Protein backbone atom coordinates (compact mmCIF):
# COMPACT_ATOMS: atom_id res chain seq x y z
CA MET A 1 -27.50 146.39 -81.23
CA LYS A 2 -28.07 142.67 -81.58
CA LYS A 3 -25.02 142.05 -79.39
CA ASN A 4 -26.49 144.15 -76.51
CA LEU A 5 -29.89 142.48 -76.81
CA PHE A 6 -28.26 139.05 -76.55
CA LEU A 7 -26.28 140.16 -73.49
CA ASN A 8 -29.38 141.49 -71.73
CA LEU A 9 -31.32 138.28 -72.39
CA PHE A 10 -28.43 136.22 -71.03
CA VAL A 11 -28.25 138.22 -67.80
CA ALA A 12 -32.03 138.04 -67.29
CA PHE A 13 -32.07 134.30 -67.88
CA GLY A 14 -29.22 133.82 -65.37
CA LEU A 15 -30.93 135.85 -62.70
CA PHE A 16 -34.11 133.79 -63.20
CA TRP A 17 -32.22 130.68 -62.21
CA LEU A 18 -30.03 132.23 -59.49
CA LEU A 19 -32.74 134.15 -57.64
CA PRO A 20 -34.26 131.13 -55.79
CA SER A 21 -30.85 130.20 -54.45
CA MET A 22 -30.20 133.77 -53.31
CA VAL A 23 -33.49 134.07 -51.33
CA LYS A 24 -33.68 131.55 -48.43
CA ALA A 25 -37.16 130.82 -47.00
CA VAL A 26 -37.57 131.10 -43.17
CA ASN A 27 -39.50 128.27 -41.51
CA PRO A 28 -41.33 128.51 -38.19
CA THR A 29 -39.39 126.95 -35.31
CA TYR A 30 -40.87 125.16 -32.34
CA ILE A 31 -40.26 123.11 -29.24
CA CYS A 32 -42.04 119.77 -29.12
CA GLU A 33 -41.83 118.11 -25.71
CA ILE A 34 -42.83 115.17 -23.59
CA ARG A 35 -44.20 116.36 -20.23
CA ASN A 36 -46.60 115.50 -17.39
CA ASP A 37 -45.49 111.86 -17.45
CA ALA A 38 -46.63 109.91 -14.41
CA GLN A 39 -47.44 106.44 -13.15
CA ILE A 40 -51.15 106.29 -12.34
CA SER A 41 -51.38 102.65 -11.27
CA SER A 42 -49.13 99.62 -10.96
CA THR A 43 -49.71 98.89 -14.67
CA GLU A 44 -50.43 102.34 -16.21
CA TYR A 45 -48.21 105.22 -17.30
CA ILE A 46 -49.29 108.46 -19.01
CA PHE A 47 -47.52 111.30 -20.80
CA ASP A 48 -48.50 114.40 -22.76
CA LEU A 49 -47.12 115.85 -26.01
CA TYR A 50 -46.93 119.65 -26.39
CA ILE A 51 -45.77 121.98 -29.16
CA VAL A 52 -45.02 125.73 -28.91
CA HIS A 53 -44.06 128.25 -31.64
CA THR A 54 -40.65 129.80 -30.77
CA ASN A 55 -39.82 132.33 -33.54
CA PRO A 56 -42.88 134.55 -33.95
CA GLY A 57 -40.57 137.49 -34.62
CA ALA A 58 -39.38 135.84 -37.85
CA VAL A 59 -42.49 133.90 -38.76
CA ALA A 60 -45.61 135.53 -37.35
CA THR A 61 -47.88 132.51 -37.77
CA PHE A 62 -47.18 128.81 -37.45
CA GLU A 63 -50.11 126.86 -38.93
CA LEU A 64 -49.62 123.19 -38.01
CA ALA A 65 -50.33 120.89 -40.93
CA GLY A 66 -49.54 117.54 -39.34
CA ILE A 67 -47.46 115.72 -36.74
CA GLN A 68 -46.23 112.16 -36.37
CA ALA A 69 -44.05 110.73 -33.63
CA GLY A 70 -42.06 107.74 -32.61
CA PHE A 71 -41.10 106.94 -29.02
CA THR A 72 -38.57 104.64 -27.52
CA TYR A 73 -38.84 103.43 -23.95
CA ASN A 74 -37.05 101.12 -21.59
CA LEU A 75 -38.37 97.68 -22.55
CA GLY A 76 -37.13 96.50 -19.15
CA VAL A 77 -40.19 98.02 -17.48
CA LEU A 78 -42.12 94.95 -18.67
CA PRO A 79 -41.80 91.79 -16.60
CA ALA A 80 -41.42 88.46 -18.33
CA GLY A 81 -44.55 87.50 -20.24
CA ALA A 82 -46.09 90.99 -20.10
CA THR A 83 -47.39 92.91 -23.12
CA MET A 84 -47.77 96.64 -23.66
CA SER A 85 -50.73 98.51 -25.15
CA ALA A 86 -51.13 102.21 -25.94
CA THR A 87 -54.25 104.39 -25.78
CA ILE A 88 -55.06 107.92 -26.89
CA ILE A 89 -56.85 109.67 -24.02
CA ASP A 90 -59.56 111.88 -25.48
CA GLY A 91 -60.30 115.36 -24.18
CA PHE A 92 -56.71 116.61 -23.76
CA SER A 93 -55.74 117.70 -27.27
CA ASN A 94 -56.54 121.29 -28.23
CA LEU A 95 -55.55 120.90 -31.89
CA ALA A 96 -58.08 121.14 -34.70
CA LEU A 97 -60.06 117.91 -34.85
CA CYS A 98 -58.51 117.05 -38.21
CA LEU A 99 -55.04 117.17 -36.57
CA GLN A 100 -55.81 115.25 -33.37
CA PRO A 101 -54.21 111.79 -33.22
CA LYS A 102 -56.80 109.01 -33.12
CA GLN A 103 -56.53 105.54 -31.64
CA ALA A 104 -56.00 104.18 -35.14
CA ASN A 105 -52.83 106.29 -35.41
CA LEU A 106 -51.24 104.69 -32.33
CA THR A 107 -49.42 101.36 -32.42
CA VAL A 108 -47.08 99.48 -30.08
CA VAL A 109 -44.22 97.91 -32.02
CA ALA A 110 -41.29 95.79 -30.92
CA THR A 111 -38.97 98.78 -30.50
CA GLY A 112 -41.37 101.37 -29.09
CA ILE A 113 -44.49 103.41 -29.88
CA LYS A 114 -45.57 104.57 -33.34
CA MET A 115 -47.96 107.50 -33.85
CA THR A 116 -48.78 108.16 -37.52
CA LEU A 117 -50.20 111.31 -39.10
CA ALA A 118 -53.88 111.99 -38.55
CA ALA A 119 -55.78 111.67 -41.82
CA PRO A 120 -57.27 113.15 -43.88
CA GLN A 121 -55.19 116.35 -43.71
CA CYS A 122 -56.91 119.60 -42.79
CA GLY A 123 -55.76 121.70 -45.75
CA ALA A 124 -54.17 125.14 -45.63
CA GLY A 125 -56.24 127.61 -43.61
CA ASN A 126 -57.83 124.81 -41.54
CA GLY A 127 -54.82 123.79 -39.42
CA THR A 128 -54.15 124.91 -35.84
CA ILE A 129 -52.26 128.16 -35.26
CA ILE A 130 -49.66 127.10 -32.69
CA SER A 131 -49.42 129.20 -29.54
CA THR A 132 -46.29 131.19 -28.75
CA VAL A 133 -46.96 130.91 -24.99
CA ALA A 134 -45.31 127.95 -23.24
CA PRO A 135 -46.09 125.15 -22.96
CA GLY A 136 -48.09 125.72 -26.14
CA ASN A 137 -50.73 123.39 -27.58
CA CYS A 138 -51.42 119.92 -26.23
CA ILE A 139 -51.09 117.46 -29.09
CA THR A 140 -52.48 114.51 -27.12
CA ARG A 141 -52.23 112.43 -23.96
CA ILE A 142 -51.07 108.82 -24.30
CA LYS A 143 -51.56 106.03 -21.78
CA LEU A 144 -49.30 102.96 -21.83
CA THR A 145 -50.66 99.86 -20.11
CA SER A 146 -48.78 96.71 -19.15
CA SER A 147 -50.64 93.42 -18.81
CA LEU A 148 -48.64 92.85 -15.61
CA PRO A 149 -47.34 95.33 -13.00
CA PHE A 150 -44.27 97.24 -14.12
CA VAL A 151 -40.93 95.96 -12.85
CA ALA A 152 -40.27 97.53 -9.44
CA ASN A 153 -37.72 100.38 -9.37
CA SER A 154 -37.54 100.59 -13.17
CA GLN A 155 -38.02 103.79 -15.21
CA PHE A 156 -39.71 104.32 -18.56
CA ASN A 157 -37.06 106.65 -20.03
CA ILE A 158 -39.61 107.65 -22.67
CA ASN A 159 -37.91 109.58 -25.50
CA TRP A 160 -38.33 110.74 -29.09
CA SER A 161 -37.42 108.55 -32.03
CA PHE A 162 -36.21 109.82 -35.42
CA ALA A 163 -35.36 106.42 -36.87
CA THR A 164 -37.68 104.39 -39.06
CA SER A 165 -38.10 101.99 -36.15
CA PRO A 166 -40.20 102.52 -34.19
CA TRP A 167 -41.09 105.63 -36.27
CA PRO A 168 -39.55 108.98 -37.19
CA SER A 169 -40.89 112.06 -35.39
CA LYS A 170 -41.86 114.83 -37.84
CA VAL A 171 -43.64 118.19 -37.82
CA TYR A 172 -45.34 119.73 -40.88
CA ALA A 173 -46.57 123.30 -41.48
CA TYR A 174 -48.57 125.14 -44.12
CA LEU A 175 -46.21 127.79 -45.61
CA PRO A 176 -48.75 127.86 -47.35
CA ALA A 177 -47.64 124.65 -49.03
CA TYR A 178 -47.48 121.48 -46.93
CA THR A 179 -43.88 121.64 -45.66
CA ASN A 180 -41.71 119.45 -43.42
CA VAL A 181 -40.24 121.81 -40.79
CA THR A 182 -38.79 119.11 -38.52
CA VAL A 183 -35.71 119.94 -36.47
CA ASN A 184 -34.72 116.90 -34.43
CA ALA A 185 -33.04 118.99 -31.73
CA ASN A 186 -36.32 120.77 -31.06
CA HIS A 187 -37.92 117.55 -29.76
CA VAL A 188 -37.02 117.62 -26.06
CA ILE A 189 -37.60 115.84 -22.74
CA THR A 190 -36.56 118.77 -20.52
CA ASN A 191 -39.77 118.59 -18.47
CA ARG A 192 -40.02 114.82 -18.39
CA ASN A 193 -40.53 113.47 -14.83
CA ASN A 194 -39.40 109.90 -15.47
CA PRO A 195 -40.63 108.55 -12.10
CA VAL A 196 -39.40 105.33 -10.54
CA LEU A 197 -42.07 102.70 -11.18
CA ASN A 198 -43.64 100.62 -8.42
CA PRO A 199 -41.08 101.53 -5.75
CA PRO A 200 -41.25 99.11 -2.81
CA ALA A 201 -43.73 100.38 -0.25
CA THR A 202 -42.22 101.59 3.00
CA GLY A 203 -43.64 100.95 6.43
CA PRO A 204 -45.38 103.68 8.44
CA THR A 205 -43.44 106.44 10.16
CA ALA A 206 -43.08 105.95 13.92
CA TYR A 207 -44.86 108.59 16.00
CA ALA A 208 -44.98 109.02 19.79
CA VAL A 209 -47.63 107.27 21.89
CA THR A 210 -49.48 109.70 24.18
CA GLY A 211 -51.66 109.34 27.28
CA SER A 212 -49.78 108.27 30.45
CA GLY A 213 -51.27 109.17 33.84
CA SER A 214 -53.53 107.93 36.62
CA TYR A 215 -57.23 107.96 37.41
CA CYS A 216 -59.38 107.12 40.43
CA GLN A 217 -60.85 103.65 40.80
CA GLY A 218 -64.29 103.57 39.27
CA GLY A 219 -63.37 106.33 36.80
CA ALA A 220 -63.52 106.15 32.98
CA GLY A 221 -59.75 105.88 32.53
CA LEU A 222 -57.54 108.12 30.39
CA PRO A 223 -57.24 108.67 26.60
CA VAL A 224 -54.40 106.95 24.73
CA GLY A 225 -53.37 108.15 21.27
CA LEU A 226 -50.62 109.14 18.84
CA ALA A 227 -48.99 112.54 18.45
CA ASN A 228 -49.41 112.24 14.65
CA SER A 229 -50.56 109.74 12.01
CA GLU A 230 -50.44 109.02 8.27
CA THR A 231 -53.29 108.44 5.86
CA GLY A 232 -53.33 104.94 4.43
CA VAL A 233 -52.10 103.47 7.73
CA THR A 234 -54.16 101.36 10.12
CA TYR A 235 -53.18 101.83 13.78
CA THR A 236 -53.67 99.13 16.41
CA LEU A 237 -53.64 99.69 20.18
CA LEU A 238 -51.99 96.93 22.21
CA LYS A 239 -52.47 96.43 25.97
CA GLY A 240 -49.67 94.37 27.44
CA GLY A 241 -48.87 93.23 23.89
CA VAL A 242 -52.45 92.11 23.14
CA ALA A 243 -54.22 93.88 20.24
CA GLN A 244 -57.32 95.85 21.20
CA VAL A 245 -60.32 96.70 19.02
CA PRO A 246 -61.29 98.70 17.14
CA THR A 247 -58.32 99.86 15.08
CA VAL A 248 -58.06 103.51 14.00
CA ALA A 249 -57.32 104.80 10.48
CA GLY A 250 -54.62 107.46 10.13
CA THR A 251 -55.77 110.99 9.33
CA GLY A 252 -52.53 112.90 8.83
CA ALA A 253 -52.96 114.41 12.32
CA ALA A 254 -53.05 113.25 15.94
CA ILE A 255 -55.44 110.37 16.68
CA THR A 256 -56.97 108.87 19.82
CA PHE A 257 -58.11 105.40 20.84
CA GLY A 258 -60.43 106.85 23.48
CA ASN A 259 -60.28 106.30 27.26
CA GLN A 260 -58.45 103.21 28.48
CA LEU A 261 -58.27 101.57 31.92
CA PHE A 262 -55.08 100.77 33.83
CA GLY A 263 -52.31 98.99 31.96
CA THR A 264 -49.31 99.55 29.67
CA TYR A 265 -50.21 100.45 26.09
CA THR A 266 -48.23 100.41 22.83
CA VAL A 267 -49.31 101.15 19.26
CA SER A 268 -48.41 99.65 15.87
CA GLY A 269 -49.12 101.03 12.39
CA THR A 270 -49.63 98.86 9.30
CA ASN A 271 -49.71 99.64 5.57
CA ALA A 272 -48.71 97.89 2.35
CA GLY A 273 -45.07 98.34 3.29
CA GLY A 274 -45.35 96.47 6.58
CA THR A 275 -45.90 97.11 10.27
CA THR A 276 -44.03 99.66 12.40
CA ALA A 277 -44.02 99.92 16.20
CA MET A 278 -44.75 103.46 17.34
CA THR A 279 -42.32 105.06 19.80
CA GLY A 280 -42.79 104.92 23.56
CA ASN A 281 -45.81 103.72 25.49
CA ALA A 282 -48.61 104.94 27.72
CA VAL A 283 -48.66 103.71 31.32
CA ILE A 284 -52.00 104.22 33.05
CA THR A 285 -52.45 103.48 36.75
CA GLU A 286 -55.62 103.19 38.83
CA ASN A 287 -55.62 104.80 42.28
CA THR A 288 -57.59 103.38 45.24
CA PRO A 289 -59.83 106.09 46.72
CA VAL A 290 -58.66 107.54 50.06
CA THR A 291 -61.10 107.57 53.00
CA PRO A 292 -60.96 110.99 54.70
CA THR A 293 -60.25 110.78 58.44
CA PHE A 294 -61.18 113.34 61.11
CA ALA A 295 -60.75 113.78 64.85
CA GLN A 296 -64.11 113.15 66.52
CA ASN A 297 -65.98 116.32 67.47
CA GLY A 298 -68.17 116.66 70.57
CA PRO A 299 -70.09 115.90 72.47
CA PHE A 300 -71.42 119.45 72.52
CA CYS A 301 -73.87 121.14 74.79
CA VAL A 302 -76.88 122.80 73.25
CA GLY A 303 -75.81 126.27 72.12
CA ASP A 304 -72.08 125.56 72.19
CA ALA A 305 -69.90 127.09 69.50
CA GLY A 306 -68.34 124.52 67.20
CA SER A 307 -67.56 123.50 63.63
CA LEU A 308 -66.41 120.56 61.49
CA ALA A 309 -62.97 120.65 59.83
CA LEU A 310 -62.99 121.19 56.02
CA THR A 311 -59.67 119.36 55.57
CA SER A 312 -59.23 115.82 56.78
CA THR A 313 -56.23 114.72 58.81
CA ASN A 314 -55.00 112.92 55.65
CA GLY A 315 -55.26 116.00 53.48
CA ILE A 316 -58.63 115.66 51.73
CA THR A 317 -60.63 118.86 51.34
CA GLY A 318 -64.38 119.05 50.97
CA THR A 319 -67.68 120.08 52.52
CA TRP A 320 -70.13 118.75 55.16
CA SER A 321 -73.83 118.22 54.89
CA PRO A 322 -76.06 119.24 56.61
CA ALA A 323 -74.62 122.47 58.00
CA PHE A 324 -73.22 122.02 61.50
CA SER A 325 -75.51 123.14 64.35
CA THR A 326 -75.80 122.79 68.17
CA ALA A 327 -79.20 124.40 68.34
CA ALA A 328 -80.91 121.21 69.49
CA SER A 329 -79.92 118.19 71.50
CA GLY A 330 -79.53 114.84 69.89
CA THR A 331 -77.18 112.94 67.56
CA THR A 332 -76.70 114.22 63.99
CA VAL A 333 -74.89 112.29 61.22
CA TYR A 334 -72.86 114.62 59.01
CA THR A 335 -71.57 113.54 55.53
CA PHE A 336 -68.25 114.81 54.15
CA THR A 337 -68.02 115.09 50.33
CA PRO A 338 -64.48 115.53 48.89
CA THR A 339 -63.88 118.37 46.45
CA ALA A 340 -63.91 117.12 42.82
CA GLY A 341 -60.57 115.94 41.41
CA GLN A 342 -59.43 114.13 44.54
CA CYS A 343 -59.42 110.38 44.60
CA ALA A 344 -61.34 110.03 47.85
CA THR A 345 -64.56 108.60 49.22
CA THR A 346 -67.20 110.30 51.30
CA ALA A 347 -67.02 110.03 55.11
CA THR A 348 -69.48 110.46 57.97
CA MET A 349 -69.29 111.66 61.55
CA SER A 350 -71.97 111.34 64.25
CA VAL A 351 -71.97 114.36 66.55
CA VAL A 352 -73.79 114.38 69.89
CA VAL A 353 -75.37 117.56 71.29
CA ASN A 354 -76.48 117.14 74.90
CA ALA A 355 -79.21 119.02 76.77
CA PRO A 356 -77.74 120.84 79.81
CA VAL A 357 -77.95 118.90 83.17
CA THR A 358 -79.42 120.61 86.23
CA PRO A 359 -77.15 119.99 89.24
CA THR A 360 -79.00 118.51 92.24
CA PHE A 361 -78.02 118.84 95.94
CA ALA A 362 -79.33 117.54 99.27
CA GLN A 363 -80.94 120.46 101.09
CA ILE A 364 -78.91 121.70 104.07
CA GLY A 365 -79.99 123.64 107.19
CA PRO A 366 -81.62 125.18 108.92
CA PHE A 367 -78.66 126.49 110.87
CA CYS A 368 -78.31 128.39 114.10
CA VAL A 369 -76.34 131.60 114.01
CA GLY A 370 -72.69 130.67 114.32
CA ASP A 371 -73.16 127.01 113.37
CA ALA A 372 -70.50 125.42 111.29
CA GLY A 373 -71.56 124.35 107.78
CA SER A 374 -70.81 124.33 104.06
CA LEU A 375 -72.29 123.79 100.61
CA ALA A 376 -71.18 120.72 98.57
CA LEU A 377 -69.00 121.55 95.54
CA THR A 378 -70.13 118.46 93.67
CA SER A 379 -73.77 117.85 93.00
CA SER A 380 -75.38 114.55 93.73
CA ASN A 381 -75.48 114.02 89.93
CA GLY A 382 -71.76 114.70 89.53
CA ILE A 383 -71.60 118.34 88.52
CA THR A 384 -68.73 120.30 90.04
CA GLY A 385 -68.69 124.02 90.50
CA THR A 386 -68.77 126.90 92.93
CA TRP A 387 -71.35 128.75 95.03
CA ASN A 388 -71.97 132.40 95.29
CA PRO A 389 -72.02 134.15 97.68
CA ALA A 390 -69.65 132.36 100.04
CA PHE A 391 -71.56 130.26 102.61
CA SER A 392 -72.04 131.95 106.04
CA THR A 393 -74.11 131.51 109.26
CA ALA A 394 -73.00 134.76 110.80
CA ALA A 395 -76.42 136.31 110.65
CA SER A 396 -79.92 135.00 110.88
CA GLY A 397 -82.19 134.96 107.84
CA THR A 398 -82.59 133.15 104.53
CA THR A 399 -79.81 133.37 101.95
CA VAL A 400 -80.13 132.23 98.30
CA TYR A 401 -76.92 130.64 97.05
CA THR A 402 -76.24 130.17 93.28
CA PHE A 403 -74.24 127.18 92.05
CA THR A 404 -72.22 127.76 88.84
CA PRO A 405 -70.89 124.59 87.17
CA THR A 406 -67.20 124.47 86.30
CA ALA A 407 -66.64 125.25 82.62
CA GLY A 408 -66.72 122.28 80.22
CA GLN A 409 -69.68 120.57 81.83
CA CYS A 410 -73.03 120.58 80.10
CA ALA A 411 -74.95 121.83 83.09
CA THR A 412 -77.07 124.76 84.19
CA THR A 413 -76.78 126.89 87.27
CA THR A 414 -78.94 126.08 90.23
CA THR A 415 -79.86 127.73 93.55
CA MET A 416 -80.39 126.71 97.11
CA SER A 417 -82.08 128.72 99.86
CA VAL A 418 -80.50 128.18 103.26
CA VAL A 419 -82.17 129.29 106.53
């Protein structure tokens, strides 16, 4: 009986000591990453720290108890004589206030950046429950500032540190006891951008110059521009190599320098990277106006049909003013106005409309029956024509003869009575 009691006590005592080693606690796992790193000025660089809970199936809740971090970076980003400072940027962390890193927690040391634990600690039940949705919770945003511009073409290569210098990165959770759950491999830089710092500026892109053509003397000229442009670039128009004013700022789209008079134009673009000549040029010519020419019309006789040509002998079309008319005798000055779009001047033509002339003749007769005689075919005032009826002395009496001027003479008919 005593032997069995001793055996049972021995087994129970052994299990008391073996049980902790047989039951292994499961810690929450996480990914802690550097992301959103960017250069924001020639001397400033920012990056964010995020943490996300990755095993909610095994550990339903990850209550963050504290986080500290160390960062190494390429010391070669600093030019000779420059110093580095680090700043916590407020307003980005979404951890409980008692967990948020403060400026006092951040220090620049010889080998990198040191971020110590926020203090005092929150206490179990007051920490932040870490999100299971990537990218998780923002721990903080850090800005690194150099006293001199970063070395051109260098990179920060910001990374986690787990050594005592500059500082070991660690993550703590309430399980519910304050527990170090750090896994070095879970501190990553997968989404780090690592941009090239202060890359040398490049000159503007060359775009095509637009605007060649011709205009009529006295006109406003033609527009000269660029087929495209870039913001941050100042464009200068040059006429025969001489810079014109004003310059035009790039917009990211086509630009114009407005109307320009005759000449050869080029364009240059300037930014911090230098000056670039744009491609091609614009050649603008000025045309001398053509004077329309016309065959002279007239003279006309009152009432004659007639018109003025609407196209000049040298090909200019247009209209006349006033409207052509032969209703009255006299001289009228008509003005020809070219149709718009033709490089031509106005022209004038004086057109004469004559009043008809009355032919005059010396009176003939009287005649005796059978006498020889005739009627003159040209009047004493130079009008030619014919008489009707044919002249005759075959019978006695008075005959009225009508004189009709030959066509093309501005003259009226007339009569003569012959006895």
